[in-house]
Amino acid sequence: MNKKIERYGVNAVERPSIKATKNLDLSGVYGQQIVKSETKLALRTHKKTFQKLANM
């Protein structure tokens, strides 16, 4: 990948890998709100898919 970038005259930079340190807690009120909003989004985005599954 570095050679691809260097073709365009840009120097490749080594970047450190960053590990996730924060845990997501879905047990509280805010967690329930996150789950509800994500569920609504998924249902709205994939409406036809869920309708097909319901009719199987």
Protein backbone atom coordinates (compact mmCIF):
# COMPACT_ATOMS: atom_id res chain seq x y z
CA MET A 1 0.00 0.00 0.00
CA ASN A 2 2.87 2.38 0.73
CA LYS A 3 4.15 2.06 -2.82
CA LYS A 4 0.73 2.99 -4.19
CA ILE A 5 0.72 6.20 -2.15
CA GLU A 6 4.29 7.06 -3.01
CA ARG A 7 3.46 6.95 -6.74
CA TYR A 8 1.50 10.16 -6.26
CA GLY A 9 4.37 11.95 -4.56
CA VAL A 10 3.10 11.57 -1.00
CA ASN A 11 5.36 10.16 1.68
CA ALA A 12 3.92 7.17 3.51
CA VAL A 13 3.72 7.54 7.29
CA GLU A 14 3.73 4.68 9.76
CA ARG A 15 0.79 5.05 12.10
CA PRO A 16 0.44 3.26 15.44
CA SER A 17 -2.48 0.88 15.87
CA ILE A 18 -4.92 2.17 18.49
CA LYS A 19 -6.73 -0.40 20.60
CA ALA A 20 -10.24 0.20 21.90
CA THR A 21 -10.28 1.00 25.61
CA LYS A 22 -13.91 2.00 26.20
CA ASN A 23 -16.58 -0.60 26.97
CA LEU A 24 -20.15 0.02 25.92
CA ASP A 25 -22.67 -0.54 28.74
CA LEU A 26 -26.19 -1.13 27.43
CA SER A 27 -27.76 -2.07 30.77
CA GLY A 28 -28.88 1.40 31.90
CA VAL A 29 -31.48 3.85 30.64
CA TYR A 30 -29.09 5.30 28.08
CA GLY A 31 -28.21 1.81 26.88
CA GLN A 32 -31.87 0.99 26.32
CA GLN A 33 -32.26 4.23 24.39
CA ILE A 34 -29.30 3.32 22.16
CA VAL A 35 -30.74 -0.14 21.47
CA LYS A 36 -34.18 1.28 20.62
CA SER A 37 -32.82 3.93 18.28
CA GLU A 38 -30.53 1.47 16.48
CA THR A 39 -33.41 -1.01 16.15
CA LYS A 40 -35.66 1.65 14.64
CA LEU A 41 -32.92 2.60 12.20
CA ALA A 42 -32.38 -1.01 11.14
CA LEU A 43 -36.11 -1.58 10.68
CA ARG A 44 -36.44 1.60 8.64
CA THR A 45 -33.37 0.88 6.51
CA HIS A 46 -34.21 -2.77 5.77
CA LYS A 47 -38.00 -2.55 5.72
CA LYS A 48 -38.53 -4.84 2.70
CA THR A 49 -36.16 -7.47 4.06
CA PHE A 50 -38.06 -7.73 7.34
CA GLN A 51 -41.38 -7.86 5.48
CA LYS A 52 -40.10 -10.78 3.38
CA LEU A 53 -38.90 -12.59 6.51
CA ALA A 54 -42.25 -12.05 8.21
CA ASN A 55 -44.10 -13.57 5.26
CA MET A 56 -41.96 -16.73 5.06
